[in-house]
Amino acid sequence: MNQLDDFLEADKPRAKRELDCIEYLREQEFEASMNGQYERASYLARNIVRSYTELHILSKKKSQREEKTKLVLANYQVPPQILVDEHIRRYRQ
């Protein structure tokens, strides 16, 4: 499975940049840690977390879009009169 499959088509370039950034930062963080540059390693680790947070937000957008699509499609499988009756019932209360 491609890592970019978790994102909307419009978000894939941004997700790719974040993934590339994580890879680069991991290498830099490891190198800094091995050289005793712990403050720099800590700074780089925080940036890695920031990139993962961005990826999480982007992947949630796709999940939310898919859920909305499922709901819309489910509504089209119900006879229209049932939808109208349900709409009237909800707004009479």
N, C-alpha and C. Protein backbone atom coordinates (compact mmCIF):
# COMPACT_ATOMS: atom_id res chain seq x y z
N MET A 1 0.84 -1.18 0.00
CA MET A 1 0.00 0.00 0.00
C MET A 1 0.88 1.25 0.00
N ASN A 2 0.55 2.16 -0.85
CA ASN A 2 1.28 3.42 -0.95
C ASN A 2 0.93 4.31 0.24
N GLN A 3 1.93 4.93 0.84
CA GLN A 3 1.69 5.80 1.99
C GLN A 3 0.74 6.94 1.64
N LEU A 4 0.74 7.38 0.42
CA LEU A 4 -0.08 8.51 0.02
C LEU A 4 -1.54 8.15 -0.19
N ASP A 5 -1.87 6.85 -0.13
CA ASP A 5 -3.27 6.43 -0.28
C ASP A 5 -4.14 6.90 0.88
N ASP A 6 -3.53 7.30 1.97
CA ASP A 6 -4.27 7.74 3.14
C ASP A 6 -4.76 9.19 3.05
N PHE A 7 -4.46 9.86 1.94
CA PHE A 7 -4.74 11.28 1.83
C PHE A 7 -5.59 11.60 0.60
N LEU A 8 -6.33 12.70 0.70
CA LEU A 8 -7.08 13.17 -0.46
C LEU A 8 -6.12 13.53 -1.58
N GLU A 9 -6.60 13.43 -2.79
CA GLU A 9 -5.76 13.72 -3.95
C GLU A 9 -5.15 15.13 -3.85
N ALA A 10 -5.94 16.09 -3.43
CA ALA A 10 -5.47 17.47 -3.32
C ALA A 10 -4.41 17.64 -2.22
N ASP A 11 -4.41 16.75 -1.24
CA ASP A 11 -3.47 16.84 -0.12
C ASP A 11 -2.21 16.00 -0.31
N LYS A 12 -2.17 15.21 -1.36
CA LYS A 12 -1.02 14.32 -1.56
C LYS A 12 0.31 15.05 -1.71
N PRO A 13 0.38 16.16 -2.45
CA PRO A 13 1.68 16.86 -2.53
C PRO A 13 2.16 17.33 -1.16
N ARG A 14 1.26 17.87 -0.36
CA ARG A 14 1.64 18.32 0.98
C ARG A 14 2.05 17.15 1.85
N ALA A 15 1.31 16.05 1.77
CA ALA A 15 1.65 14.86 2.56
C ALA A 15 3.02 14.32 2.15
N LYS A 16 3.29 14.33 0.87
CA LYS A 16 4.60 13.86 0.37
C LYS A 16 5.72 14.72 0.93
N ARG A 17 5.50 16.04 0.96
CA ARG A 17 6.52 16.93 1.52
C ARG A 17 6.74 16.64 3.01
N GLU A 18 5.66 16.39 3.73
CA GLU A 18 5.79 16.08 5.16
C GLU A 18 6.53 14.76 5.37
N LEU A 19 6.21 13.75 4.55
CA LEU A 19 6.90 12.46 4.66
C LEU A 19 8.39 12.59 4.36
N ASP A 20 8.71 13.36 3.32
CA ASP A 20 10.11 13.60 2.99
C ASP A 20 10.81 14.35 4.12
N CYS A 21 10.11 15.31 4.69
CA CYS A 21 10.65 16.09 5.81
C CYS A 21 10.95 15.18 7.00
N ILE A 22 10.02 14.29 7.32
CA ILE A 22 10.22 13.36 8.43
C ILE A 22 11.46 12.51 8.20
N GLU A 23 11.60 12.00 6.99
CA GLU A 23 12.76 11.16 6.68
C GLU A 23 14.06 11.93 6.88
N TYR A 24 14.12 13.15 6.36
CA TYR A 24 15.32 13.99 6.50
C TYR A 24 15.58 14.30 7.97
N LEU A 25 14.53 14.71 8.70
CA LEU A 25 14.69 15.08 10.10
C LEU A 25 15.14 13.90 10.95
N ARG A 26 14.64 12.72 10.64
CA ARG A 26 15.05 11.52 11.39
C ARG A 26 16.55 11.28 11.23
N GLU A 27 17.03 11.41 10.00
CA GLU A 27 18.46 11.23 9.76
C GLU A 27 19.27 12.26 10.52
N GLN A 28 18.83 13.52 10.46
CA GLN A 28 19.53 14.60 11.15
C GLN A 28 19.48 14.42 12.67
N GLU A 29 18.33 14.01 13.17
CA GLU A 29 18.17 13.81 14.62
C GLU A 29 19.07 12.68 15.11
N PHE A 30 19.14 11.60 14.36
CA PHE A 30 20.01 10.48 14.73
C PHE A 30 21.46 10.92 14.75
N GLU A 31 21.87 11.64 13.73
CA GLU A 31 23.25 12.11 13.63
C GLU A 31 23.58 13.06 14.79
N ALA A 32 22.67 13.98 15.09
CA ALA A 32 22.90 14.91 16.19
C ALA A 32 23.01 14.15 17.52
N SER A 33 22.14 13.17 17.70
CA SER A 33 22.17 12.38 18.92
C SER A 33 23.49 11.61 19.06
N MET A 34 23.94 11.03 17.98
CA MET A 34 25.19 10.27 18.00
C MET A 34 26.39 11.17 18.27
N ASN A 35 26.29 12.45 17.93
CA ASN A 35 27.38 13.40 18.14
C ASN A 35 27.24 14.17 19.45
N GLY A 36 26.28 13.77 20.29
CA GLY A 36 26.12 14.41 21.58
C GLY A 36 25.44 15.77 21.53
N GLN A 37 24.84 16.10 20.40
CA GLN A 37 24.13 17.38 20.26
C GLN A 37 22.67 17.18 20.65
N TYR A 38 22.44 17.03 21.94
CA TYR A 38 21.12 16.64 22.43
C TYR A 38 20.08 17.76 22.30
N GLU A 39 20.51 18.98 22.45
CA GLU A 39 19.56 20.09 22.28
C GLU A 39 19.08 20.14 20.83
N ARG A 40 20.00 20.00 19.90
CA ARG A 40 19.62 19.97 18.47
C ARG A 40 18.74 18.75 18.17
N ALA A 41 19.10 17.60 18.73
CA ALA A 41 18.31 16.38 18.52
C ALA A 41 16.90 16.57 19.05
N SER A 42 16.77 17.24 20.20
CA SER A 42 15.45 17.51 20.78
C SER A 42 14.64 18.42 19.87
N TYR A 43 15.28 19.45 19.35
CA TYR A 43 14.62 20.38 18.43
C TYR A 43 14.12 19.65 17.18
N LEU A 44 14.97 18.80 16.62
CA LEU A 44 14.61 18.05 15.42
C LEU A 44 13.47 17.07 15.72
N ALA A 45 13.50 16.45 16.89
CA ALA A 45 12.44 15.51 17.27
C ALA A 45 11.10 16.23 17.37
N ARG A 46 11.09 17.45 17.90
CA ARG A 46 9.84 18.22 17.97
C ARG A 46 9.31 18.52 16.57
N ASN A 47 10.21 18.78 15.64
CA ASN A 47 9.78 19.02 14.26
C ASN A 47 9.24 17.76 13.61
N ILE A 48 9.78 16.61 13.98
CA ILE A 48 9.25 15.33 13.48
C ILE A 48 7.82 15.16 13.97
N VAL A 49 7.59 15.44 15.25
CA VAL A 49 6.25 15.33 15.82
C VAL A 49 5.29 16.28 15.11
N ARG A 50 5.74 17.50 14.82
CA ARG A 50 4.90 18.47 14.11
C ARG A 50 4.50 17.93 12.74
N SER A 51 5.43 17.31 12.03
CA SER A 51 5.12 16.75 10.72
C SER A 51 4.13 15.59 10.83
N TYR A 52 4.30 14.74 11.85
CA TYR A 52 3.34 13.66 12.05
C TYR A 52 1.96 14.20 12.38
N THR A 53 1.91 15.28 13.13
CA THR A 53 0.63 15.91 13.46
C THR A 53 -0.05 16.42 12.19
N GLU A 54 0.70 17.03 11.30
CA GLU A 54 0.16 17.50 10.02
C GLU A 54 -0.37 16.33 9.20
N LEU A 55 0.37 15.23 9.17
CA LEU A 55 -0.08 14.05 8.44
C LEU A 55 -1.37 13.49 9.03
N HIS A 56 -1.47 13.50 10.34
CA HIS A 56 -2.68 13.03 11.01
C HIS A 56 -3.88 13.89 10.60
N ILE A 57 -3.70 15.20 10.61
CA ILE A 57 -4.77 16.12 10.22
C ILE A 57 -5.20 15.86 8.78
N LEU A 58 -4.23 15.70 7.90
CA LEU A 58 -4.54 15.45 6.49
C LEU A 58 -5.26 14.11 6.30
N SER A 59 -4.85 13.09 7.02
CA SER A 59 -5.50 11.78 6.86
C SER A 59 -6.91 11.81 7.43
N LYS A 60 -7.14 12.60 8.50
CA LYS A 60 -8.49 12.73 9.04
C LYS A 60 -9.42 13.38 8.02
N LYS A 61 -8.89 14.31 7.24
CA LYS A 61 -9.72 14.95 6.20
C LYS A 61 -10.25 13.91 5.23
N LYS A 62 -9.41 12.95 4.85
CA LYS A 62 -9.86 11.92 3.92
C LYS A 62 -10.90 11.02 4.59
N SER A 63 -10.66 10.65 5.85
CA SER A 63 -11.62 9.80 6.57
C SER A 63 -12.98 10.49 6.69
N GLN A 64 -12.96 11.78 7.00
CA GLN A 64 -14.20 12.53 7.14
C GLN A 64 -14.92 12.63 5.80
N ARG A 65 -14.18 12.84 4.73
CA ARG A 65 -14.78 12.92 3.39
C ARG A 65 -15.42 11.60 3.02
N GLU A 66 -14.72 10.50 3.32
CA GLU A 66 -15.27 9.18 3.00
C GLU A 66 -16.54 8.90 3.80
N GLU A 67 -16.56 9.32 5.07
CA GLU A 67 -17.74 9.11 5.90
C GLU A 67 -18.93 9.91 5.37
N LYS A 68 -18.69 11.14 4.97
CA LYS A 68 -19.76 11.97 4.41
C LYS A 68 -20.28 11.36 3.11
N THR A 69 -19.38 10.85 2.30
CA THR A 69 -19.78 10.22 1.04
C THR A 69 -20.66 9.00 1.30
N LYS A 70 -20.29 8.20 2.29
CA LYS A 70 -21.10 7.03 2.64
C LYS A 70 -22.50 7.44 3.07
N LEU A 71 -22.58 8.51 3.87
CA LEU A 71 -23.89 8.98 4.33
C LEU A 71 -24.75 9.46 3.17
N VAL A 72 -24.16 10.20 2.26
CA VAL A 72 -24.90 10.70 1.11
C VAL A 72 -25.39 9.54 0.25
N LEU A 73 -24.51 8.59 0.00
CA LEU A 73 -24.89 7.44 -0.82
C LEU A 73 -25.97 6.61 -0.14
N ALA A 74 -25.90 6.49 1.17
CA ALA A 74 -26.92 5.75 1.90
C ALA A 74 -28.28 6.42 1.77
N ASN A 75 -28.30 7.74 1.76
CA ASN A 75 -29.56 8.46 1.61
C ASN A 75 -30.20 8.22 0.25
N TYR A 76 -29.39 8.02 -0.77
CA TYR A 76 -29.94 7.79 -2.10
C TYR A 76 -30.51 6.38 -2.25
N GLN A 77 -30.22 5.50 -1.32
CA GLN A 77 -30.75 4.15 -1.38
C GLN A 77 -32.10 4.04 -0.69
N VAL A 78 -32.52 5.10 -0.04
CA VAL A 78 -33.81 5.13 0.65
C VAL A 78 -34.81 5.79 -0.29
N PRO A 79 -36.02 5.26 -0.37
CA PRO A 79 -37.03 5.91 -1.22
C PRO A 79 -37.24 7.37 -0.80
N PRO A 80 -37.37 8.27 -1.76
CA PRO A 80 -37.47 9.70 -1.47
C PRO A 80 -38.59 10.06 -0.49
N GLN A 81 -39.72 9.38 -0.55
CA GLN A 81 -40.82 9.74 0.35
C GLN A 81 -40.45 9.49 1.82
N ILE A 82 -39.67 8.47 2.07
CA ILE A 82 -39.23 8.19 3.44
C ILE A 82 -38.34 9.33 3.93
N LEU A 83 -37.48 9.85 3.06
CA LEU A 83 -36.63 10.97 3.44
C LEU A 83 -37.47 12.21 3.74
N VAL A 84 -38.48 12.46 2.91
CA VAL A 84 -39.36 13.61 3.13
C VAL A 84 -40.10 13.46 4.44
N ASP A 85 -40.66 12.28 4.70
CA ASP A 85 -41.38 12.04 5.95
C ASP A 85 -40.48 12.22 7.16
N GLU A 86 -39.25 11.74 7.08
CA GLU A 86 -38.30 11.88 8.18
C GLU A 86 -37.95 13.35 8.41
N HIS A 87 -37.77 14.07 7.34
CA HIS A 87 -37.47 15.51 7.43
C HIS A 87 -38.63 16.23 8.12
N ILE A 88 -39.83 15.96 7.72
CA ILE A 88 -41.02 16.58 8.33
C ILE A 88 -41.11 16.20 9.81
N ARG A 89 -40.90 14.94 10.11
CA ARG A 89 -40.98 14.47 11.50
C ARG A 89 -39.96 15.20 12.39
N ARG A 90 -38.76 15.35 11.93
CA ARG A 90 -37.70 15.99 12.73
C ARG A 90 -38.01 17.46 13.00
N TYR A 91 -38.54 18.13 12.02
CA TYR A 91 -38.74 19.58 12.18
C TYR A 91 -40.09 19.96 12.78
N ARG A 92 -40.94 18.99 13.00
CA ARG A 92 -42.19 19.27 13.70
C ARG A 92 -42.00 19.30 15.20
N GLN A 93 -40.98 18.66 15.67
CA GLN A 93 -40.76 18.55 17.11
C GLN A 93 -40.23 19.82 17.70
